[in-house]
Protein backbone atom coordinates (compact mmCIF):
# COMPACT_ATOMS: atom_id res chain seq x y z
CA MET A 1 18.01 -3.71 13.30
CA LEU A 2 20.11 -3.29 10.18
CA LYS A 3 18.12 -5.78 8.09
CA PRO A 4 14.83 -3.77 8.14
CA LEU A 5 16.75 -0.57 7.43
CA LEU A 6 18.53 -2.16 4.48
CA THR A 7 15.22 -3.47 3.14
CA LEU A 8 13.69 -0.02 3.39
CA LEU A 9 16.62 1.63 1.62
CA CYS A 10 16.56 -0.94 -1.19
CA SER A 11 12.83 -0.48 -1.74
CA CYS A 12 13.29 3.30 -1.86
CA ALA A 13 16.07 2.97 -4.44
CA LEU A 14 13.99 0.68 -6.64
CA THR A 15 11.08 3.11 -6.49
CA LEU A 16 12.88 5.45 -8.86
CA ALA A 17 13.09 2.93 -11.69
CA TYR A 18 9.97 0.81 -11.45
CA SER A 19 6.22 0.83 -11.26
CA GLN A 20 5.20 -1.15 -8.21
CA GLU A 21 2.19 -3.25 -7.41
CA PHE A 22 1.59 -4.04 -3.74
CA THR A 23 -0.62 -6.52 -1.96
CA TYR A 24 -1.06 -5.92 1.76
CA SER A 25 -2.96 -8.54 3.78
CA PHE A 26 -4.70 -7.75 7.05
CA ASN A 27 -6.91 -9.25 9.74
CA GLY A 28 -10.00 -7.60 11.13
CA ASN A 29 -13.55 -6.81 10.24
CA LEU A 30 -14.91 -3.75 8.45
CA SER A 31 -18.45 -2.51 8.07
CA ILE A 32 -19.56 -1.19 4.68
CA ASP A 33 -19.26 2.40 5.98
CA ASP A 34 -15.74 1.75 7.30
CA LEU A 35 -14.79 0.19 3.95
CA VAL A 36 -15.83 3.36 2.11
CA ARG A 37 -13.99 5.54 4.65
CA LEU A 38 -10.85 3.37 4.34
CA LYS A 39 -10.90 3.68 0.56
CA ASP A 40 -11.29 7.47 0.90
CA SER A 41 -8.37 7.66 3.34
CA LEU A 42 -6.17 5.62 1.03
CA SER A 43 -7.08 7.83 -1.93
CA GLN A 44 -5.34 10.73 -0.11
CA LEU A 45 -2.01 8.88 -0.45
CA PRO A 46 0.06 8.95 -3.67
CA ILE A 47 -1.19 5.53 -4.83
CA SER A 48 -3.60 4.45 -7.53
CA SER A 49 -5.99 1.63 -8.37
CA VAL A 50 -6.86 0.75 -4.79
CA ARG A 51 -8.85 -2.47 -4.46
CA ILE A 52 -9.95 -3.96 -1.16
CA ALA A 53 -11.10 -7.57 -0.90
CA LEU A 54 -12.74 -8.82 2.30
CA LYS A 55 -13.70 -12.23 3.62
CA SER A 56 -15.82 -10.98 6.49
CA GLU A 57 -16.74 -14.44 7.78
CA GLN A 58 -13.01 -15.15 8.29
CA GLU A 59 -12.17 -11.55 9.25
CA VAL A 60 -9.34 -11.33 6.72
CA GLY A 61 -8.77 -9.26 3.64
CA TYR A 62 -6.21 -7.73 1.37
CA LEU A 63 -5.46 -4.39 -0.15
CA ASN A 64 -4.11 -4.21 -3.69
CA PHE A 65 -2.68 -0.93 -5.00
CA TYR A 66 -0.13 0.58 -7.37
CA TYR A 67 2.53 3.19 -6.97
CA GLU A 68 4.19 4.63 -10.04
CA GLU A 69 6.97 7.20 -9.89
CA ASN A 70 6.26 10.15 -12.15
CA THR A 71 9.27 10.35 -14.46
CA ASN A 72 8.84 14.02 -15.38
CA GLY A 73 9.26 15.21 -11.81
CA GLU A 74 5.71 16.50 -11.26
CA ASN A 75 4.91 14.02 -8.48
CA THR A 76 6.41 15.50 -5.34
CA SER A 77 4.52 13.28 -2.88
CA LEU A 78 6.65 10.71 -1.13
CA PHE A 79 5.36 7.19 -0.78
CA SER A 80 5.83 5.06 2.30
CA LEU A 81 4.37 1.69 3.24
CA VAL A 82 4.32 2.98 6.80
CA ASP A 83 1.48 5.31 5.78
CA ILE A 84 -0.55 2.35 4.53
CA LYS A 85 0.13 0.43 7.75
CA LYS A 86 -0.88 3.43 9.91
CA THR A 87 -4.11 3.81 7.94
CA LEU A 88 -5.00 0.14 8.40
CA ILE A 89 -4.31 0.38 12.13
CA GLU A 90 -6.48 3.51 12.42
CA PHE A 91 -9.41 1.42 11.17
CA GLY A 92 -8.82 -1.28 13.78
CA LEU A 93 -7.21 -3.69 11.33
CA PHE A 94 -4.09 -5.75 11.95
CA PRO A 95 -1.62 -5.48 9.02
CA GLN A 96 0.00 -8.79 8.16
CA GLN A 97 2.21 -9.18 5.11
CA CYS A 98 3.05 -6.79 2.31
CA THR A 99 4.15 -8.23 -1.02
CA MET A 100 5.73 -6.09 -3.72
CA HIS A 101 5.66 -6.92 -7.44
CA PHE A 102 7.93 -4.94 -9.78
CA ASN A 103 6.91 -4.06 -13.33
CA LYS A 104 9.41 -2.31 -15.54
CA GLN A 105 8.15 0.97 -16.91
CA LYS A 106 7.99 1.32 -20.64
CA PRO A 107 10.12 4.17 -22.02
């Protein structure tokens, strides 16, 4: 129980200092219409550069997106990977693994 909580707290702390790129894999199948709706739903979250890649014959795919903390304090939206997971589940997809890549922001 403490390990997931510690992981969450560490990722929140690192959010303040870094730009983050995420890759979230999932299982399931999407129609073209559902793909457009999923992209629209994800655009409501405080993330950018959302790309979705599907292998429909294998019913797998991945979601690639960026989150960058606004250093001048204008971005008041909070980011949570739970929101991404909930959105994937709403579309009948099964979230698998989320990978985070840190890129230092340039001053």
